[in-house]
Every structure is written in C-alpha cells, then in structure tokens.
Amino acid sequence: HSVIEFGPPQRWRGATGSQNSAAEGVEVLAESMKLGYDVRLMHSQVWATWSRKGWSNLADKTTHQWQGVGYVRMSSNKDFNALISEMASCNCEAYVWLFKTK
C-alpha cells in the first residue's frame, strides 16, 4: 500500500514548470493502474468538495470502507481526469491510495 498526497495541478506546475501538469497527473494514475494498483481516493481536501457535487463524472460513485477508511475507486482515465479537474477547481489535494491487487 502507498498513500500519496497528490496535487493540486497548480502545485505541480509551480514545482516542475510543466505546462501539461494535469495530463501528467492522469498519466501517473493510469501507469499505477497498469502496474496492478487499485487507485483509490481517500478522505482528503478534494473529497469534501467533490462528494458534495455527487462525485460528478466519476464512474463508480460507491463509497467503500476498509478497516474504517472510506474511499472511492477510480478505474479509468475519465475518472482520473474528473479527479484532477476537481482538484484544479478547488486548488486542493487528494490523498490517493495505491492498493496492490495483482
């Protein structure tokens, strides 16, 4: 398991100077999934704002629990783009939990 304080894209842009920080964030999450990780969003700053919007643009809106930790699963580039878009709109980070499934 790994938990990453992820984002927001504005912070990445400032740290790396990249003009494509949002796309690079999507790529990091997609590559993690290709390596056999279940990409999960845990309670974090973006959780509060996004959940109030009904998890707009997230394919699976089900909130899961594991040992008392709430999370939602993200399983596609569409989900990753929705997360990063929400992080950019609130300028807040996400706690991303990479859970090895393979």
C-alpha atoms as a PDB file:
ATOM      1  CA  HIS A   1       0.000   0.000   0.000  1.00  0.00           C
ATOM      2  CA  SER A   2       1.057   3.547  -0.670  1.00  0.00           C
ATOM      3  CA  VAL A   3      -0.740   6.773   0.174  1.00  0.00           C
ATOM      4  CA  ILE A   4       0.243   9.838  -1.812  1.00  0.00           C
ATOM      5  CA  GLU A   5      -0.633  13.463  -1.171  1.00  0.00           C
ATOM      6  CA  PHE A   6      -1.477  14.147  -4.797  1.00  0.00           C
ATOM      7  CA  GLY A   7      -1.756  17.605  -6.312  1.00  0.00           C
ATOM      8  CA  PRO A   8      -3.216  20.004  -6.945  1.00  0.00           C
ATOM      9  CA  PRO A   9      -2.150  20.580 -10.558  1.00  0.00           C
ATOM     10  CA  GLN A  10      -1.287  24.213  -9.794  1.00  0.00           C
ATOM     11  CA  ARG A  11       1.339  22.992  -7.307  1.00  0.00           C
ATOM     12  CA  TRP A  12       2.829  20.573  -9.846  1.00  0.00           C
ATOM     13  CA  ARG A  13       3.071  23.359 -12.408  1.00  0.00           C
ATOM     14  CA  GLY A  14       4.899  25.564  -9.913  1.00  0.00           C
ATOM     15  CA  ALA A  15       7.287  22.791  -8.883  1.00  0.00           C
ATOM     16  CA  THR A  16       8.102  21.402 -12.322  1.00  0.00           C
ATOM     17  CA  GLY A  17       7.386  24.272 -14.677  1.00  0.00           C
ATOM     18  CA  SER A  18       5.367  21.860 -16.808  1.00  0.00           C
ATOM     19  CA  GLN A  19       2.585  23.252 -18.971  1.00  0.00           C
ATOM     20  CA  ASN A  20       0.909  19.810 -19.042  1.00  0.00           C
ATOM     21  CA  SER A  21       0.747  19.067 -15.327  1.00  0.00           C
ATOM     22  CA  ALA A  22      -2.873  17.875 -15.365  1.00  0.00           C
ATOM     23  CA  ALA A  23      -2.197  15.433 -18.218  1.00  0.00           C
ATOM     24  CA  GLU A  24       0.914  14.215 -16.437  1.00  0.00           C
ATOM     25  CA  GLY A  25      -1.130  13.614 -13.283  1.00  0.00           C
ATOM     26  CA  VAL A  26      -3.564  11.474 -15.283  1.00  0.00           C
ATOM     27  CA  GLU A  27      -0.597   9.579 -16.724  1.00  0.00           C
ATOM     28  CA  VAL A  28       0.806   8.834 -13.247  1.00  0.00           C
ATOM     29  CA  LEU A  29      -2.520   7.369 -12.111  1.00  0.00           C
ATOM     30  CA  ALA A  30      -3.001   5.396 -15.355  1.00  0.00           C
ATOM     31  CA  GLU A  31       0.502   3.933 -15.112  1.00  0.00           C
ATOM     32  CA  SER A  32      -0.143   2.948 -11.485  1.00  0.00           C
ATOM     33  CA  MET A  33      -3.242   1.072 -12.589  1.00  0.00           C
ATOM     34  CA  LYS A  34      -1.286  -0.668 -15.387  1.00  0.00           C
ATOM     35  CA  LEU A  35       1.214  -1.824 -12.751  1.00  0.00           C
ATOM     36  CA  GLY A  36      -1.580  -3.612 -10.897  1.00  0.00           C
ATOM     37  CA  TYR A  37      -2.621  -0.978  -8.367  1.00  0.00           C
ATOM     38  CA  ASP A  38      -6.216  -0.225  -7.473  1.00  0.00           C
ATOM     39  CA  VAL A  39      -6.350   3.594  -7.466  1.00  0.00           C
ATOM     40  CA  ARG A  40      -8.473   4.841  -4.582  1.00  0.00           C
ATOM     41  CA  LEU A  41      -9.370   8.318  -3.405  1.00  0.00           C
ATOM     42  CA  MET A  42      -9.383   8.623   0.385  1.00  0.00           C
ATOM     43  CA  HIS A  43     -10.847  11.350   2.593  1.00  0.00           C
ATOM     44  CA  SER A  44      -8.882  14.495   1.732  1.00  0.00           C
ATOM     45  CA  GLN A  45      -9.483  18.114   0.805  1.00  0.00           C
ATOM     46  CA  VAL A  46     -10.915  17.289  -2.619  1.00  0.00           C
ATOM     47  CA  TRP A  47     -13.179  14.612  -1.086  1.00  0.00           C
ATOM     48  CA  ALA A  48     -15.305  17.211   0.697  1.00  0.00           C
ATOM     49  CA  THR A  49     -15.912  19.416  -2.331  1.00  0.00           C
ATOM     50  CA  TRP A  50     -16.331  16.595  -4.840  1.00  0.00           C
ATOM     51  CA  SER A  51     -18.645  14.481  -2.687  1.00  0.00           C
ATOM     52  CA  ARG A  52     -20.951  17.494  -2.211  1.00  0.00           C
ATOM     53  CA  LYS A  53     -21.254  17.578  -6.013  1.00  0.00           C
ATOM     54  CA  GLY A  54     -22.314  13.922  -6.053  1.00  0.00           C
ATOM     55  CA  TRP A  55     -18.969  12.717  -7.406  1.00  0.00           C
ATOM     56  CA  SER A  56     -19.703  14.338 -10.786  1.00  0.00           C
ATOM     57  CA  ASN A  57     -18.118  12.482 -13.728  1.00  0.00           C
ATOM     58  CA  LEU A  58     -16.929   9.563 -11.559  1.00  0.00           C
ATOM     59  CA  ALA A  59     -17.993   6.186 -13.000  1.00  0.00           C
ATOM     60  CA  ASP A  60     -18.403   4.316  -9.678  1.00  0.00           C
ATOM     61  CA  LYS A  61     -19.819   6.633  -7.010  1.00  0.00           C
ATOM     62  CA  THR A  62     -19.908   3.898  -4.347  1.00  0.00           C
ATOM     63  CA  THR A  63     -18.119   4.774  -1.119  1.00  0.00           C
ATOM     64  CA  HIS A  64     -16.266   1.718   0.184  1.00  0.00           C
ATOM     65  CA  GLN A  65     -14.790   1.034   3.619  1.00  0.00           C
ATOM     66  CA  TRP A  66     -11.651  -0.861   4.529  1.00  0.00           C
ATOM     67  CA  GLN A  67     -10.681  -1.060   8.200  1.00  0.00           C
ATOM     68  CA  GLY A  68     -12.590   2.156   8.869  1.00  0.00           C
ATOM     69  CA  VAL A  69     -11.096   4.056   5.923  1.00  0.00           C
ATOM     70  CA  GLY A  70     -13.562   5.453   3.409  1.00  0.00           C
ATOM     71  CA  TYR A  71     -12.593   5.561  -0.253  1.00  0.00           C
ATOM     72  CA  VAL A  72     -13.928   5.585  -3.799  1.00  0.00           C
ATOM     73  CA  ARG A  73     -12.366   3.619  -6.640  1.00  0.00           C
ATOM     74  CA  MET A  74     -11.106   5.249  -9.794  1.00  0.00           C
ATOM     75  CA  SER A  75     -10.553   2.926 -12.736  1.00  0.00           C
ATOM     76  CA  SER A  76     -10.223   4.898 -15.958  1.00  0.00           C
ATOM     77  CA  ASN A  77      -8.637   7.972 -17.478  1.00  0.00           C
ATOM     78  CA  LYS A  78     -12.103   9.547 -17.382  1.00  0.00           C
ATOM     79  CA  ASP A  79     -12.151   9.093 -13.594  1.00  0.00           C
ATOM     80  CA  PHE A  80      -8.583  10.421 -13.283  1.00  0.00           C
ATOM     81  CA  ASN A  81      -9.428  13.465 -15.413  1.00  0.00           C
ATOM     82  CA  ALA A  82     -12.518  14.121 -13.287  1.00  0.00           C
ATOM     83  CA  LEU A  83     -10.416  13.965 -10.110  1.00  0.00           C
ATOM     84  CA  ILE A  84      -7.749  16.303 -11.432  1.00  0.00           C
ATOM     85  CA  SER A  85     -10.348  18.711 -12.787  1.00  0.00           C
ATOM     86  CA  GLU A  86     -11.992  18.845  -9.364  1.00  0.00           C
ATOM     87  CA  MET A  87      -8.611  19.334  -7.672  1.00  0.00           C
ATOM     88  CA  ALA A  88      -7.856  22.221 -10.048  1.00  0.00           C
ATOM     89  CA  SER A  89     -11.220  23.872  -9.392  1.00  0.00           C
ATOM     90  CA  CYS A  90     -10.796  23.834  -5.597  1.00  0.00           C
ATOM     91  CA  ASN A  91      -6.983  24.136  -5.665  1.00  0.00           C
ATOM     92  CA  CYS A  92      -6.843  21.295  -3.161  1.00  0.00           C
ATOM     93  CA  GLU A  93      -5.050  17.990  -2.923  1.00  0.00           C
ATOM     94  CA  ALA A  94      -6.195  14.411  -2.899  1.00  0.00           C
ATOM     95  CA  TYR A  95      -4.989  11.524  -0.808  1.00  0.00           C
ATOM     96  CA  VAL A  96      -4.572   8.733  -3.333  1.00  0.00           C
ATOM     97  CA  TRP A  97      -4.241   5.207  -2.010  1.00  0.00           C
ATOM     98  CA  LEU A  98      -2.483   2.760  -4.318  1.00  0.00           C
ATOM     99  CA  PHE A  99      -3.534  -0.746  -3.300  1.00  0.00           C
ATOM    100  CA  LYS A 100      -1.691  -3.615  -4.994  1.00  0.00           C
ATOM    101  CA  THR A 101      -4.205  -6.051  -6.453  1.00  0.00           C
ATOM    102  CA  LYS A 102      -2.012  -8.190  -8.744  1.00  0.00           C
END
